Amino acid sequence: MREYELYLVIDADVADEAAAAIVDRVTSLVVAGYEGTGGEVVKVEARGKRRLTYAIKRRVESQDIVLTFRTPPRALPEIERVLTLDEQVLRYLVVRLDED
């Protein structure tokens, strides 16, 4: 399993419960893994609301959340598919952390 960091940019107008539901959905996908090979969430960090440098989908403020997790690489396409389909997620970025 590899370690990844997921940066989520969520619409600021979304309630805190809805933002938590998005994080729970991603967490459940990470724990389920790929074909039964489970992963683990290392850290969830809410960075709070911030003003965007430029408008994304006509929004100028966002809630930022950073998740650090370990999962097999084959689980990533499903996580990205779910995030792409969610209209409350303005942007996301998945980065593989270095193996130091």
C-alpha atoms as a PDB file:
ATOM      1  CA  MET A   1       0.000   0.000   0.000  1.00  0.00           C
ATOM      2  CA  ARG A   2       1.112   3.523  -0.740  1.00  0.00           C
ATOM      3  CA  GLU A   3       0.506   6.703   1.190  1.00  0.00           C
ATOM      4  CA  TYR A   4      -1.480   9.480  -0.467  1.00  0.00           C
ATOM      5  CA  GLU A   5      -2.676  12.962   0.386  1.00  0.00           C
ATOM      6  CA  LEU A   6      -6.052  14.191  -0.861  1.00  0.00           C
ATOM      7  CA  TYR A   7      -6.761  17.937  -0.922  1.00  0.00           C
ATOM      8  CA  LEU A   8     -10.484  18.682  -1.151  1.00  0.00           C
ATOM      9  CA  VAL A   9     -11.932  22.078  -2.073  1.00  0.00           C
ATOM     10  CA  ILE A  10     -15.607  22.013  -1.083  1.00  0.00           C
ATOM     11  CA  ASP A  11     -18.233  24.692  -1.672  1.00  0.00           C
ATOM     12  CA  ALA A  12     -18.324  27.076   1.338  1.00  0.00           C
ATOM     13  CA  ASP A  13     -22.136  27.223   1.255  1.00  0.00           C
ATOM     14  CA  VAL A  14     -22.341  23.533   2.139  1.00  0.00           C
ATOM     15  CA  ALA A  15     -23.310  22.761   5.729  1.00  0.00           C
ATOM     16  CA  ASP A  16     -20.690  21.247   8.015  1.00  0.00           C
ATOM     17  CA  GLU A  17     -22.698  18.007   8.152  1.00  0.00           C
ATOM     18  CA  ALA A  18     -22.603  17.713   4.341  1.00  0.00           C
ATOM     19  CA  ALA A  19     -18.846  18.323   4.305  1.00  0.00           C
ATOM     20  CA  ALA A  20     -18.451  15.633   6.965  1.00  0.00           C
ATOM     21  CA  ALA A  21     -20.559  13.291   4.816  1.00  0.00           C
ATOM     22  CA  ILE A  22     -18.166  13.815   1.894  1.00  0.00           C
ATOM     23  CA  VAL A  23     -15.208  13.002   4.133  1.00  0.00           C
ATOM     24  CA  ASP A  24     -17.031   9.921   5.470  1.00  0.00           C
ATOM     25  CA  ARG A  25     -17.747   8.730   1.924  1.00  0.00           C
ATOM     26  CA  VAL A  26     -14.073   9.048   0.952  1.00  0.00           C
ATOM     27  CA  THR A  27     -13.010   7.385   4.201  1.00  0.00           C
ATOM     28  CA  SER A  28     -15.308   4.423   3.554  1.00  0.00           C
ATOM     29  CA  LEU A  29     -13.874   4.037   0.040  1.00  0.00           C
ATOM     30  CA  VAL A  30     -10.328   4.093   1.416  1.00  0.00           C
ATOM     31  CA  VAL A  31     -11.145   1.525   4.101  1.00  0.00           C
ATOM     32  CA  ALA A  32     -12.914  -0.729   1.568  1.00  0.00           C
ATOM     33  CA  GLY A  33      -9.883  -0.549  -0.731  1.00  0.00           C
ATOM     34  CA  TYR A  34      -9.804  -2.542  -3.952  1.00  0.00           C
ATOM     35  CA  GLU A  35     -11.437  -5.980  -4.026  1.00  0.00           C
ATOM     36  CA  GLY A  36     -11.319  -6.368  -0.271  1.00  0.00           C
ATOM     37  CA  THR A  37      -7.791  -5.070   0.312  1.00  0.00           C
ATOM     38  CA  GLY A  38      -8.535  -2.407   2.883  1.00  0.00           C
ATOM     39  CA  GLY A  39      -6.709   0.826   3.451  1.00  0.00           C
ATOM     40  CA  GLU A  40      -6.474   3.172   6.391  1.00  0.00           C
ATOM     41  CA  VAL A  41      -6.958   6.876   6.966  1.00  0.00           C
ATOM     42  CA  VAL A  42      -3.952   8.345   8.749  1.00  0.00           C
ATOM     43  CA  LYS A  43      -5.117  11.929   9.307  1.00  0.00           C
ATOM     44  CA  VAL A  44      -8.027  14.253   8.476  1.00  0.00           C
ATOM     45  CA  GLU A  45      -7.311  17.967   8.738  1.00  0.00           C
ATOM     46  CA  ALA A  46     -10.001  20.590   8.185  1.00  0.00           C
ATOM     47  CA  ARG A  47      -8.360  23.815   7.087  1.00  0.00           C
ATOM     48  CA  GLY A  48     -11.546  25.856   7.401  1.00  0.00           C
ATOM     49  CA  LYS A  49     -13.084  28.367   5.039  1.00  0.00           C
ATOM     50  CA  ARG A  50     -11.007  30.572   2.784  1.00  0.00           C
ATOM     51  CA  ARG A  51     -11.422  32.992  -0.077  1.00  0.00           C
ATOM     52  CA  LEU A  52     -10.398  31.602  -3.456  1.00  0.00           C
ATOM     53  CA  THR A  53      -7.900  33.430  -5.644  1.00  0.00           C
ATOM     54  CA  TYR A  54     -10.228  33.015  -8.613  1.00  0.00           C
ATOM     55  CA  ALA A  55     -13.801  31.790  -8.954  1.00  0.00           C
ATOM     56  CA  ILE A  56     -14.360  28.065  -9.416  1.00  0.00           C
ATOM     57  CA  LYS A  57     -17.825  27.164 -10.699  1.00  0.00           C
ATOM     58  CA  ARG A  58     -18.878  30.736  -9.827  1.00  0.00           C
ATOM     59  CA  ARG A  59     -17.877  30.265  -6.170  1.00  0.00           C
ATOM     60  CA  VAL A  60     -15.408  32.598  -4.446  1.00  0.00           C
ATOM     61  CA  GLU A  61     -15.135  30.850  -1.048  1.00  0.00           C
ATOM     62  CA  SER A  62     -14.402  27.266  -0.114  1.00  0.00           C
ATOM     63  CA  GLN A  63     -13.909  24.814   2.732  1.00  0.00           C
ATOM     64  CA  ASP A  64     -10.579  22.990   2.499  1.00  0.00           C
ATOM     65  CA  ILE A  65      -9.958  19.514   3.880  1.00  0.00           C
ATOM     66  CA  VAL A  66      -6.762  17.454   3.688  1.00  0.00           C
ATOM     67  CA  LEU A  67      -6.863  13.659   4.090  1.00  0.00           C
ATOM     68  CA  THR A  68      -3.762  11.516   4.448  1.00  0.00           C
ATOM     69  CA  PHE A  69      -4.357   7.813   3.826  1.00  0.00           C
ATOM     70  CA  ARG A  70      -2.813   4.494   2.785  1.00  0.00           C
ATOM     71  CA  THR A  71      -4.526   2.398   0.127  1.00  0.00           C
ATOM     72  CA  PRO A  72      -3.684   0.229  -2.868  1.00  0.00           C
ATOM     73  CA  PRO A  73      -3.213   2.229  -6.098  1.00  0.00           C
ATOM     74  CA  ARG A  74      -6.114   0.409  -7.733  1.00  0.00           C
ATOM     75  CA  ALA A  75      -8.568   1.994  -5.269  1.00  0.00           C
ATOM     76  CA  LEU A  76      -7.832   5.536  -6.500  1.00  0.00           C
ATOM     77  CA  PRO A  77      -9.984   5.520  -9.680  1.00  0.00           C
ATOM     78  CA  GLU A  78     -13.136   4.800  -7.658  1.00  0.00           C
ATOM     79  CA  ILE A  79     -12.310   7.559  -5.160  1.00  0.00           C
ATOM     80  CA  GLU A  80     -11.718  10.025  -8.001  1.00  0.00           C
ATOM     81  CA  ARG A  81     -14.941   8.945  -9.752  1.00  0.00           C
ATOM     82  CA  VAL A  82     -17.009   9.619  -6.614  1.00  0.00           C
ATOM     83  CA  LEU A  83     -15.371  13.025  -6.101  1.00  0.00           C
ATOM     84  CA  THR A  84     -15.906  14.010  -9.740  1.00  0.00           C
ATOM     85  CA  LEU A  85     -19.616  13.179  -9.558  1.00  0.00           C
ATOM     86  CA  ASP A  86     -20.201  15.130  -6.330  1.00  0.00           C
ATOM     87  CA  GLU A  87     -21.350  18.662  -7.206  1.00  0.00           C
ATOM     88  CA  GLN A  88     -20.330  20.026  -3.810  1.00  0.00           C
ATOM     89  CA  VAL A  89     -16.665  19.226  -4.482  1.00  0.00           C
ATOM     90  CA  LEU A  90     -15.219  22.113  -6.476  1.00  0.00           C
ATOM     91  CA  ARG A  91     -11.732  20.627  -6.915  1.00  0.00           C
ATOM     92  CA  TYR A  92      -9.612  17.805  -5.577  1.00  0.00           C
ATOM     93  CA  LEU A  93      -6.006  16.716  -5.890  1.00  0.00           C
ATOM     94  CA  VAL A  94      -4.532  13.327  -5.000  1.00  0.00           C
ATOM     95  CA  VAL A  95      -0.765  13.247  -4.489  1.00  0.00           C
ATOM     96  CA  ARG A  96       1.398  10.236  -3.667  1.00  0.00           C
ATOM     97  CA  LEU A  97       3.659  11.012  -0.721  1.00  0.00           C
ATOM     98  CA  ASP A  98       7.356  10.186  -0.961  1.00  0.00           C
ATOM     99  CA  GLU A  99       8.602   6.983   0.564  1.00  0.00           C
ATOM    100  CA  ASP A 100      11.366   8.408   2.766  1.00  0.00           C
END
